[in-house]
PDB file of all heavy atoms in Angstrom:
ATOM      1  N   SER A   1      -1.509  -3.019  -8.635  1.00  0.00           N
ATOM      2  CA  SER A   1      -0.990  -1.728  -8.224  1.00  0.00           C
ATOM      3  C   SER A   1       0.240  -1.890  -7.342  1.00  0.00           C
ATOM      4  O   SER A   1       0.503  -2.950  -6.799  1.00  0.00           O
ATOM      5  CB  SER A   1      -2.064  -0.960  -7.452  1.00  0.00           C
ATOM      6  OG  SER A   1      -3.190  -0.733  -8.258  1.00  0.00           O
ATOM      7  N   THR A   2       0.949  -0.788  -7.178  1.00  0.00           N
ATOM      8  CA  THR A   2       2.027  -0.697  -6.213  1.00  0.00           C
ATOM      9  C   THR A   2       1.531   0.182  -5.076  1.00  0.00           C
ATOM     10  O   THR A   2       0.927   1.231  -5.316  1.00  0.00           O
ATOM     11  CB  THR A   2       3.288  -0.074  -6.842  1.00  0.00           C
ATOM     12  OG1 THR A   2       3.709  -0.903  -7.930  1.00  0.00           O
ATOM     13  CG2 THR A   2       4.420   0.041  -5.824  1.00  0.00           C
ATOM     14  N   ALA A   3       1.754  -0.267  -3.848  1.00  0.00           N
ATOM     15  CA  ALA A   3       1.325   0.497  -2.667  1.00  0.00           C
ATOM     16  C   ALA A   3       2.512   1.274  -2.120  1.00  0.00           C
ATOM     17  O   ALA A   3       3.633   0.758  -2.043  1.00  0.00           O
ATOM     18  CB  ALA A   3       0.784  -0.449  -1.595  1.00  0.00           C
ATOM     19  N   TYR A   4       2.246   2.517  -1.743  1.00  0.00           N
ATOM     20  CA  TYR A   4       3.269   3.420  -1.216  1.00  0.00           C
ATOM     21  C   TYR A   4       2.844   3.974   0.134  1.00  0.00           C
ATOM     22  O   TYR A   4       1.646   4.085   0.410  1.00  0.00           O
ATOM     23  CB  TYR A   4       3.491   4.587  -2.164  1.00  0.00           C
ATOM     24  CG  TYR A   4       3.963   4.201  -3.536  1.00  0.00           C
ATOM     25  CD1 TYR A   4       3.068   3.972  -4.571  1.00  0.00           C
ATOM     26  CD2 TYR A   4       5.315   4.045  -3.808  1.00  0.00           C
ATOM     27  CE1 TYR A   4       3.485   3.615  -5.828  1.00  0.00           C
ATOM     28  CE2 TYR A   4       5.766   3.684  -5.073  1.00  0.00           C
ATOM     29  CZ  TYR A   4       4.836   3.473  -6.082  1.00  0.00           C
ATOM     30  OH  TYR A   4       5.280   3.113  -7.328  1.00  0.00           O
ATOM     31  N   LYS A   5       3.819   4.357   0.938  1.00  0.00           N
ATOM     32  CA  LYS A   5       3.565   4.961   2.237  1.00  0.00           C
ATOM     33  C   LYS A   5       3.717   6.470   2.109  1.00  0.00           C
ATOM     34  O   LYS A   5       4.792   6.985   1.837  1.00  0.00           O
ATOM     35  CB  LYS A   5       4.564   4.426   3.258  1.00  0.00           C
ATOM     36  CG  LYS A   5       4.254   4.797   4.683  1.00  0.00           C
ATOM     37  CD  LYS A   5       5.286   4.254   5.642  1.00  0.00           C
ATOM     38  CE  LYS A   5       5.116   2.759   5.805  1.00  0.00           C
ATOM     39  NZ  LYS A   5       5.966   2.207   6.881  1.00  0.00           N
ATOM     40  N   ASN A   6       2.623   7.199   2.230  1.00  0.00           N
ATOM     41  CA  ASN A   6       2.526   8.670   2.265  1.00  0.00           C
ATOM     42  C   ASN A   6       2.790   9.390   0.953  1.00  0.00           C
ATOM     43  O   ASN A   6       2.216  10.443   0.722  1.00  0.00           O
ATOM     44  CB  ASN A   6       3.436   9.258   3.363  1.00  0.00           C
ATOM     45  CG  ASN A   6       3.026   8.775   4.745  1.00  0.00           C
ATOM     46  OD1 ASN A   6       1.846   8.706   5.056  1.00  0.00           O
ATOM     47  ND2 ASN A   6       4.001   8.436   5.560  1.00  0.00           N
ATOM     48  N   GLU A   7       3.644   8.879   0.077  1.00  0.00           N
ATOM     49  CA  GLU A   7       3.924   9.524  -1.209  1.00  0.00           C
ATOM     50  C   GLU A   7       4.505   8.492  -2.180  1.00  0.00           C
ATOM     51  O   GLU A   7       4.988   7.452  -1.755  1.00  0.00           O
ATOM     52  CB  GLU A   7       4.897  10.685  -1.056  1.00  0.00           C
ATOM     53  CG  GLU A   7       6.264  10.241  -0.585  1.00  0.00           C
ATOM     54  CD  GLU A   7       7.240  11.395  -0.401  1.00  0.00           C
ATOM     55  OE1 GLU A   7       6.836  12.566  -0.559  1.00  0.00           O
ATOM     56  OE2 GLU A   7       8.398  11.132  -0.103  1.00  0.00           O
ATOM     57  N   ILE A   8       4.462   8.827  -3.448  1.00  0.00           N
ATOM     58  CA  ILE A   8       4.995   7.908  -4.464  1.00  0.00           C
ATOM     59  C   ILE A   8       6.485   8.173  -4.656  1.00  0.00           C
ATOM     60  O   ILE A   8       6.887   9.261  -5.096  1.00  0.00           O
ATOM     61  CB  ILE A   8       4.254   8.081  -5.801  1.00  0.00           C
ATOM     62  CG1 ILE A   8       2.789   7.706  -5.646  1.00  0.00           C
ATOM     63  CG2 ILE A   8       4.908   7.234  -6.885  1.00  0.00           C
ATOM     64  CD1 ILE A   8       1.941   7.947  -6.869  1.00  0.00           C
ATOM     65  N   SER A   9       7.296   7.201  -4.279  1.00  0.00           N
ATOM     66  CA  SER A   9       8.735   7.223  -4.544  1.00  0.00           C
ATOM     67  C   SER A   9       9.269   5.801  -4.361  1.00  0.00           C
ATOM     68  O   SER A   9       8.612   4.963  -3.733  1.00  0.00           O
ATOM     69  CB  SER A   9       9.464   8.191  -3.621  1.00  0.00           C
ATOM     70  OG  SER A   9       9.584   7.673  -2.320  1.00  0.00           O
ATOM     71  N   GLU A  10      10.435   5.537  -4.897  1.00  0.00           N
ATOM     72  CA  GLU A  10      11.033   4.200  -4.729  1.00  0.00           C
ATOM     73  C   GLU A  10      11.243   3.859  -3.279  1.00  0.00           C
ATOM     74  O   GLU A  10      11.102   2.703  -2.860  1.00  0.00           O
ATOM     75  CB  GLU A  10      12.365   4.121  -5.475  1.00  0.00           C
ATOM     76  CG  GLU A  10      12.240   3.892  -6.953  1.00  0.00           C
ATOM     77  CD  GLU A  10      13.603   3.639  -7.594  1.00  0.00           C
ATOM     78  OE1 GLU A  10      14.460   2.994  -6.959  1.00  0.00           O
ATOM     79  OE2 GLU A  10      13.783   4.105  -8.727  1.00  0.00           O
ATOM     80  N   GLN A  11      11.609   4.851  -2.473  1.00  0.00           N
ATOM     81  CA  GLN A  11      11.908   4.619  -1.062  1.00  0.00           C
ATOM     82  C   GLN A  11      10.668   4.333  -0.215  1.00  0.00           C
ATOM     83  O   GLN A  11      10.781   3.753   0.862  1.00  0.00           O
ATOM     84  CB  GLN A  11      12.640   5.838  -0.464  1.00  0.00           C
ATOM     85  CG  GLN A  11      14.000   6.093  -1.048  1.00  0.00           C
ATOM     86  CD  GLN A  11      13.948   6.786  -2.416  1.00  0.00           C
ATOM     87  OE1 GLN A  11      12.970   7.409  -2.782  1.00  0.00           O
ATOM     88  NE2 GLN A  11      15.028   6.647  -3.177  1.00  0.00           N
ATOM     89  N   THR A  12       9.492   4.737  -0.691  1.00  0.00           N
ATOM     90  CA  THR A  12       8.279   4.549   0.114  1.00  0.00           C
ATOM     91  C   THR A  12       7.410   3.382  -0.371  1.00  0.00           C
ATOM     92  O   THR A  12       6.314   3.179   0.151  1.00  0.00           O
ATOM     93  CB  THR A  12       7.443   5.830   0.132  1.00  0.00           C
ATOM     94  OG1 THR A  12       7.043   6.155  -1.204  1.00  0.00           O
ATOM     95  CG2 THR A  12       8.215   6.990   0.749  1.00  0.00           C
ATOM     96  N   ALA A  13       7.877   2.627  -1.374  1.00  0.00           N
ATOM     97  CA  ALA A  13       7.103   1.490  -1.876  1.00  0.00           C
ATOM     98  C   ALA A  13       6.985   0.422  -0.796  1.00  0.00           C
ATOM     99  O   ALA A  13       7.955   0.070  -0.135  1.00  0.00           O
ATOM    100  CB  ALA A  13       7.760   0.911  -3.120  1.00  0.00           C
ATOM    101  N   ILE A  14       5.770  -0.064  -0.597  1.00  0.00           N
ATOM    102  CA  ILE A  14       5.492  -1.075   0.415  1.00  0.00           C
ATOM    103  C   ILE A  14       5.337  -2.460  -0.220  1.00  0.00           C
ATOM    104  O   ILE A  14       5.891  -3.445   0.256  1.00  0.00           O
ATOM    105  CB  ILE A  14       4.185  -0.748   1.179  1.00  0.00           C
ATOM    106  CG1 ILE A  14       4.296   0.597   1.869  1.00  0.00           C
ATOM    107  CG2 ILE A  14       3.855  -1.838   2.188  1.00  0.00           C
ATOM    108  CD1 ILE A  14       2.976   1.105   2.419  1.00  0.00           C
ATOM    109  N   MET A  15       4.558  -2.532  -1.304  1.00  0.00           N
ATOM    110  CA  MET A  15       4.289  -3.811  -1.938  1.00  0.00           C
ATOM    111  C   MET A  15       3.951  -3.607  -3.407  1.00  0.00           C
ATOM    112  O   MET A  15       3.254  -2.646  -3.755  1.00  0.00           O
ATOM    113  CB  MET A  15       3.110  -4.493  -1.225  1.00  0.00           C
ATOM    114  CG  MET A  15       2.715  -5.849  -1.778  1.00  0.00           C
ATOM    115  SD  MET A  15       1.338  -6.609  -0.887  1.00  0.00           S
ATOM    116  CE  MET A  15       2.230  -7.578   0.309  1.00  0.00           C
ATOM    117  N   ASN A  16       4.436  -4.505  -4.242  1.00  0.00           N
ATOM    118  CA  ASN A  16       4.116  -4.499  -5.676  1.00  0.00           C
ATOM    119  C   ASN A  16       3.048  -5.543  -5.968  1.00  0.00           C
ATOM    120  O   ASN A  16       2.805  -6.438  -5.165  1.00  0.00           O
ATOM    121  CB  ASN A  16       5.373  -4.838  -6.497  1.00  0.00           C
ATOM    122  CG  ASN A  16       6.421  -3.779  -6.378  1.00  0.00           C
ATOM    123  OD1 ASN A  16       6.132  -2.594  -6.445  1.00  0.00           O
ATOM    124  ND2 ASN A  16       7.660  -4.189  -6.192  1.00  0.00           N
ATOM    125  N   ASN A  17       2.443  -5.437  -7.128  1.00  0.00           N
ATOM    126  CA  ASN A  17       1.441  -6.403  -7.597  1.00  0.00           C
ATOM    127  C   ASN A  17       0.277  -6.570  -6.621  1.00  0.00           C
ATOM    128  O   ASN A  17      -0.229  -7.681  -6.430  1.00  0.00           O
ATOM    129  CB  ASN A  17       2.079  -7.758  -7.910  1.00  0.00           C
ATOM    130  CG  ASN A  17       3.129  -7.654  -8.985  1.00  0.00           C
ATOM    131  OD1 ASN A  17       2.926  -6.978  -9.992  1.00  0.00           O
ATOM    132  ND2 ASN A  17       4.259  -8.286  -8.777  1.00  0.00           N
ATOM    133  N   VAL A  18      -0.158  -5.478  -6.012  1.00  0.00           N
ATOM    134  CA  VAL A  18      -1.281  -5.518  -5.072  1.00  0.00           C
ATOM    135  C   VAL A  18      -2.566  -5.763  -5.856  1.00  0.00           C
ATOM    136  O   VAL A  18      -2.857  -5.075  -6.828  1.00  0.00           O
ATOM    137  CB  VAL A  18      -1.380  -4.194  -4.285  1.00  0.00           C
ATOM    138  CG1 VAL A  18      -2.630  -4.168  -3.415  1.00  0.00           C
ATOM    139  CG2 VAL A  18      -0.131  -3.985  -3.441  1.00  0.00           C
ATOM    140  N   MET A  19      -3.316  -6.783  -5.399  1.00  0.00           N
ATOM    141  CA  MET A  19      -4.576  -7.074  -6.085  1.00  0.00           C
ATOM    142  C   MET A  19      -5.788  -6.773  -5.212  1.00  0.00           C
ATOM    143  O   MET A  19      -6.873  -6.534  -5.733  1.00  0.00           O
ATOM    144  CB  MET A  19      -4.633  -8.511  -6.574  1.00  0.00           C
ATOM    145  CG  MET A  19      -4.607  -9.545  -5.517  1.00  0.00           C
ATOM    146  SD  MET A  19      -4.810 -11.177  -6.267  1.00  0.00           S
ATOM    147  CE  MET A  19      -5.162 -12.129  -4.814  1.00  0.00           C
ATOM    148  N   THR A  20      -5.629  -6.754  -3.873  1.00  0.00           N
ATOM    149  CA  THR A  20      -6.740  -6.354  -3.012  1.00  0.00           C
ATOM    150  C   THR A  20      -6.260  -5.424  -1.902  1.00  0.00           C
ATOM    151  O   THR A  20      -5.128  -5.527  -1.432  1.00  0.00           O
ATOM    152  CB  THR A  20      -7.455  -7.551  -2.338  1.00  0.00           C
ATOM    153  OG1 THR A  20      -6.555  -8.217  -1.474  1.00  0.00           O
ATOM    154  CG2 THR A  20      -8.000  -8.534  -3.357  1.00  0.00           C
ATOM    155  N   VAL A  21      -7.160  -4.512  -1.528  1.00  0.00           N
ATOM    156  CA  VAL A  21      -6.906  -3.567  -0.449  1.00  0.00           C
ATOM    157  C   VAL A  21      -8.120  -3.621   0.467  1.00  0.00           C
ATOM    158  O   VAL A  21      -9.252  -3.391   0.019  1.00  0.00           O
ATOM    159  CB  VAL A  21      -6.725  -2.136  -0.987  1.00  0.00           C
ATOM    160  CG1 VAL A  21      -6.508  -1.156   0.152  1.00  0.00           C
ATOM    161  CG2 VAL A  21      -5.586  -2.066  -1.990  1.00  0.00           C
ATOM    162  N   GLU A  22      -7.893  -3.944   1.742  1.00  0.00           N
ATOM    163  CA  GLU A  22      -8.970  -3.987   2.722  1.00  0.00           C
ATOM    164  C   GLU A  22      -8.687  -2.949   3.793  1.00  0.00           C
ATOM    165  O   GLU A  22      -7.576  -2.883   4.317  1.00  0.00           O
ATOM    166  CB  GLU A  22      -9.050  -5.359   3.387  1.00  0.00           C
ATOM    167  CG  GLU A  22      -9.363  -6.486   2.424  1.00  0.00           C
ATOM    168  CD  GLU A  22      -9.304  -7.825   3.131  1.00  0.00           C
ATOM    169  OE1 GLU A  22     -10.044  -8.024   4.116  1.00  0.00           O
ATOM    170  OE2 GLU A  22      -8.481  -8.645   2.704  1.00  0.00           O
ATOM    171  N   CYS A  23      -9.679  -2.122   4.110  1.00  0.00           N
ATOM    172  CA  CYS A  23      -9.511  -1.083   5.124  1.00  0.00           C
ATOM    173  C   CYS A  23     -10.330  -1.441   6.347  1.00  0.00           C
ATOM    174  O   CYS A  23     -11.545  -1.671   6.260  1.00  0.00           O
ATOM    175  CB  CYS A  23      -9.962   0.261   4.573  1.00  0.00           C
ATOM    176  SG  CYS A  23      -9.026   0.825   3.148  1.00  0.00           S
ATOM    177  N   ASN A  24      -9.654  -1.499   7.488  1.00  0.00           N
ATOM    178  CA  ASN A  24     -10.316  -1.681   8.775  1.00  0.00           C
ATOM    179  C   ASN A  24     -10.193  -0.370   9.532  1.00  0.00           C
ATOM    180  O   ASN A  24      -9.769   0.628   8.973  1.00  0.00           O
ATOM    181  CB  ASN A  24      -9.684  -2.844   9.552  1.00  0.00           C
ATOM    182  CG  ASN A  24      -9.957  -4.181   8.888  1.00  0.00           C
ATOM    183  OD1 ASN A  24     -11.003  -4.396   8.318  1.00  0.00           O
ATOM    184  ND2 ASN A  24      -8.998  -5.079   8.966  1.00  0.00           N
ATOM    185  N   GLU A  25     -10.521  -0.367  10.813  1.00  0.00           N
ATOM    186  CA  GLU A  25     -10.545   0.886  11.576  1.00  0.00           C
ATOM    187  C   GLU A  25      -9.252   1.681  11.470  1.00  0.00           C
ATOM    188  O   GLU A  25      -9.263   2.832  11.065  1.00  0.00           O
ATOM    189  CB  GLU A  25     -10.893   0.607  13.016  1.00  0.00           C
ATOM    190  CG  GLU A  25     -12.343   0.191  13.194  1.00  0.00           C
ATOM    191  CD  GLU A  25     -12.714  -0.004  14.632  1.00  0.00           C
ATOM    192  OE1 GLU A  25     -12.079   0.597  15.514  1.00  0.00           O
ATOM    193  OE2 GLU A  25     -13.650  -0.781  14.871  1.00  0.00           O
ATOM    194  N   ASN A  26      -8.140   1.097  11.836  1.00  0.00           N
ATOM    195  CA  ASN A  26      -6.872   1.821  11.841  1.00  0.00           C
ATOM    196  C   ASN A  26      -5.775   1.075  11.082  1.00  0.00           C
ATOM    197  O   ASN A  26      -4.599   1.272  11.352  1.00  0.00           O
ATOM    198  CB  ASN A  26      -6.396   2.086  13.277  1.00  0.00           C
ATOM    199  CG  ASN A  26      -7.288   3.065  13.995  1.00  0.00           C
ATOM    200  OD1 ASN A  26      -7.757   4.023  13.409  1.00  0.00           O
ATOM    201  ND2 ASN A  26      -7.527   2.822  15.259  1.00  0.00           N
ATOM    202  N   GLU A  27      -6.178   0.239  10.146  1.00  0.00           N
ATOM    203  CA  GLU A  27      -5.166  -0.507   9.393  1.00  0.00           C
ATOM    204  C   GLU A  27      -5.674  -0.809   7.997  1.00  0.00           C
ATOM    205  O   GLU A  27      -6.865  -0.816   7.729  1.00  0.00           O
ATOM    206  CB  GLU A  27      -4.778  -1.800  10.111  1.00  0.00           C
ATOM    207  CG  GLU A  27      -5.873  -2.820  10.207  1.00  0.00           C
ATOM    208  CD  GLU A  27      -5.473  -4.075  10.977  1.00  0.00           C
ATOM    209  OE1 GLU A  27      -4.447  -4.044  11.674  1.00  0.00           O
ATOM    210  OE2 GLU A  27      -6.199  -5.056  10.867  1.00  0.00           O
ATOM    211  N   VAL A  28      -4.701  -1.023   7.120  1.00  0.00           N
ATOM    212  CA  VAL A  28      -4.988  -1.387   5.734  1.00  0.00           C
ATOM    213  C   VAL A  28      -4.260  -2.709   5.469  1.00  0.00           C
ATOM    214  O   VAL A  28      -3.077  -2.843   5.784  1.00  0.00           O
ATOM    215  CB  VAL A  28      -4.499  -0.304   4.763  1.00  0.00           C
ATOM    216  CG1 VAL A  28      -4.777  -0.707   3.330  1.00  0.00           C
ATOM    217  CG2 VAL A  28      -5.147   1.040   5.080  1.00  0.00           C
ATOM    218  N   ILE A  29      -4.982  -3.673   4.921  1.00  0.00           N
ATOM    219  CA  ILE A  29      -4.409  -4.977   4.614  1.00  0.00           C
ATOM    220  C   ILE A  29      -4.295  -5.089   3.099  1.00  0.00           C
ATOM    221  O   ILE A  29      -5.284  -4.996   2.374  1.00  0.00           O
ATOM    222  CB  ILE A  29      -5.281  -6.117   5.174  1.00  0.00           C
ATOM    223  CG1 ILE A  29      -5.443  -5.957   6.683  1.00  0.00           C
ATOM    224  CG2 ILE A  29      -4.670  -7.471   4.827  1.00  0.00           C
ATOM    225  CD1 ILE A  29      -6.524  -6.815   7.286  1.00  0.00           C
ATOM    226  N   LEU A  30      -3.049  -5.265   2.648  1.00  0.00           N
ATOM    227  CA  LEU A  30      -2.756  -5.419   1.224  1.00  0.00           C
ATOM    228  C   LEU A  30      -2.491  -6.880   0.926  1.00  0.00           C
ATOM    229  O   LEU A  30      -1.843  -7.566   1.707  1.00  0.00           O
ATOM    230  CB  LEU A  30      -1.506  -4.605   0.863  1.00  0.00           C
ATOM    231  CG  LEU A  30      -1.506  -3.132   1.249  1.00  0.00           C
ATOM    232  CD1 LEU A  30      -0.112  -2.565   1.095  1.00  0.00           C
ATOM    233  CD2 LEU A  30      -2.512  -2.376   0.414  1.00  0.00           C
TER     234      LEU A  30
END
């Protein structure tokens, strides 16, 4: 997957080829 910040757009893309997503209290680790 591609990870985005707040909405899907080229400008908000954070990381491509994401294979794992880990959620902690106040953070997400891609």
